[in-house]
Amino acid sequence: MLSNLVANALQHTPASADITVRVGTEGDDAVLEVADRGPGMSQEDASRVFERFYRTDSSRARASGGTGLGLSIVDSLVRAHGGAVSLATAPGEGCCFRVTLPRVSEVAAQVS
């Protein structure tokens, strides 16, 4: 998950712009955020970005624009572990991908 989110940020963010990775907890959840100061995206693109093979710019070749699978894989992995992934973005504002996963309780960890 982290690798795909960071690779996505690196691919779509200018070299001079910051990419920030944050990890923490909120209540019973573990939280991972990958934020960039890239070009951001429209709400239409943001609503489809987790679909398989969706690319925000269909004119890009796969060689330079990826296959459109990375964020779909992130979404599938997160859901398989009982979590959720969301995106906050706007054109010119960058992107912030947020993954929330339930933390494993100490009792469950001891049973395994």
Foldseek 3Di string as FASTA:
>chain_A
DVVLLVVVQVLQAPPPWDWDWDWDDDVQKTKIKIWIQGQWAAPVCQVCLLPFQDFRDVVDDCVSGNRSHSSVVVQVVLVVQVKGWHWDTHGSGTIMIMIIGGDDDPVNVVVD
